[in-house]
C-alpha atoms as a PDB file:
ATOM      1  CA  MET A   1     -89.656 169.614 -62.950  1.00  0.00           C
ATOM      2  CA  ASP A   2     -87.394 171.310 -65.378  1.00  0.00           C
ATOM      3  CA  VAL A   3     -88.166 173.873 -68.056  1.00  0.00           C
ATOM      4  CA  VAL A   4     -88.443 171.318 -70.874  1.00  0.00           C
ATOM      5  CA  ASN A   5     -91.118 169.317 -69.063  1.00  0.00           C
ATOM      6  CA  MET A   6     -93.061 172.455 -68.199  1.00  0.00           C
ATOM      7  CA  ASP A   7     -93.040 173.481 -71.864  1.00  0.00           C
ATOM      8  CA  ARG A   8     -94.456 170.078 -72.792  1.00  0.00           C
ATOM      9  CA  CYS A   9     -97.145 170.405 -70.126  1.00  0.00           C
ATOM     10  CA  THR A  10     -98.281 173.759 -71.464  1.00  0.00           C
ATOM     11  CA  GLN A  11     -98.479 172.462 -75.040  1.00  0.00           C
ATOM     12  CA  GLN A  12    -100.679 169.470 -74.168  1.00  0.00           C
ATOM     13  CA  PRO A  13    -103.993 170.593 -72.641  1.00  0.00           C
ATOM     14  CA  ARG A  14    -104.845 167.280 -70.950  1.00  0.00           C
ATOM     15  CA  LEU A  15    -101.469 167.051 -69.276  1.00  0.00           C
ATOM     16  CA  TYR A  16    -101.664 170.711 -68.250  1.00  0.00           C
ATOM     17  CA  VAL A  17    -105.055 170.231 -66.565  1.00  0.00           C
ATOM     18  CA  GLY A  18    -103.768 167.170 -64.730  1.00  0.00           C
ATOM     19  CA  MET A  19    -100.722 169.019 -63.475  1.00  0.00           C
ATOM     20  CA  VAL A  20    -102.828 171.959 -62.281  1.00  0.00           C
ATOM     21  CA  LEU A  21    -105.192 169.627 -60.408  1.00  0.00           C
ATOM     22  CA  LEU A  22    -102.256 167.817 -58.827  1.00  0.00           C
ATOM     23  CA  LEU A  23    -100.778 171.138 -57.740  1.00  0.00           C
ATOM     24  CA  ILE A  24    -104.073 172.268 -56.194  1.00  0.00           C
ATOM     25  CA  PHE A  25    -104.534 169.036 -54.226  1.00  0.00           C
ATOM     26  CA  ALA A  26    -100.923 169.137 -53.002  1.00  0.00           C
ATOM     27  CA  GLU A  27    -101.337 172.717 -51.792  1.00  0.00           C
ATOM     28  CA  VAL A  28    -104.593 171.884 -50.009  1.00  0.00           C
ATOM     29  CA  LEU A  29    -102.980 168.911 -48.282  1.00  0.00           C
ATOM     30  CA  GLY A  30    -100.019 171.007 -47.159  1.00  0.00           C
ATOM     31  CA  LEU A  31    -102.259 173.798 -45.895  1.00  0.00           C
ATOM     32  CA  TYR A  32    -104.437 171.294 -44.020  1.00  0.00           C
ATOM     33  CA  GLY A  33    -101.365 169.801 -42.332  1.00  0.00           C
ATOM     34  CA  THR A  34    -100.125 173.231 -41.333  1.00  0.00           C
ATOM     35  CA  ILE A  35    -103.480 174.229 -39.823  1.00  0.00           C
ATOM     36  CA  VAL A  36    -103.823 170.939 -37.928  1.00  0.00           C
ATOM     37  CA  GLY A  37    -100.267 171.281 -36.614  1.00  0.00           C
ATOM     38  CA  ILE A  38    -100.906 174.817 -35.384  1.00  0.00           C
ATOM     39  CA  LEU A  39    -104.164 173.762 -33.721  1.00  0.00           C
ATOM     40  CA  MET A  40    -102.485 170.807 -32.009  1.00  0.00           C
ATOM     41  CA  LEU A  41     -99.676 173.030 -30.771  1.00  0.00           C
ATOM     42  CA  THR A  42    -101.964 175.748 -29.406  1.00  0.00           C
ATOM     43  CA  ARG A  43    -104.392 173.366 -27.698  1.00  0.00           C
ATOM     44  CA  SER A  44    -101.800 171.186 -25.993  1.00  0.00           C
ATOM     45  CA  GLY A  45    -100.374 171.797 -22.558  1.00  0.00           C
ATOM     46  CA  MET A  46     -96.734 172.623 -21.957  1.00  0.00           C
ATOM     47  CA  ASP A  47     -95.897 169.126 -20.680  1.00  0.00           C
ATOM     48  CA  VAL A  48     -97.280 167.453 -23.810  1.00  0.00           C
ATOM     49  CA  THR A  49     -94.970 169.261 -26.222  1.00  0.00           C
ATOM     50  CA  GLU A  50     -91.779 168.513 -24.272  1.00  0.00           C
ATOM     51  CA  CYS A  51     -89.606 165.690 -25.584  1.00  0.00           C
ATOM     52  CA  VAL A  52     -89.048 163.018 -22.905  1.00  0.00           C
ATOM     53  CA  TYR A  53     -86.518 160.931 -24.828  1.00  0.00           C
END
């Protein structure tokens, strides 16, 4: 998003709330994926993480 769109979002309360909620859900999804990836990596054996192709 550019500066003009962000200015419009801050001037319209409904759009601002929607953008904040979207940002929160996107951050939660990214954090969840990171945690799951770290857990999968630490709990797997060495032969599972090697690429066979």
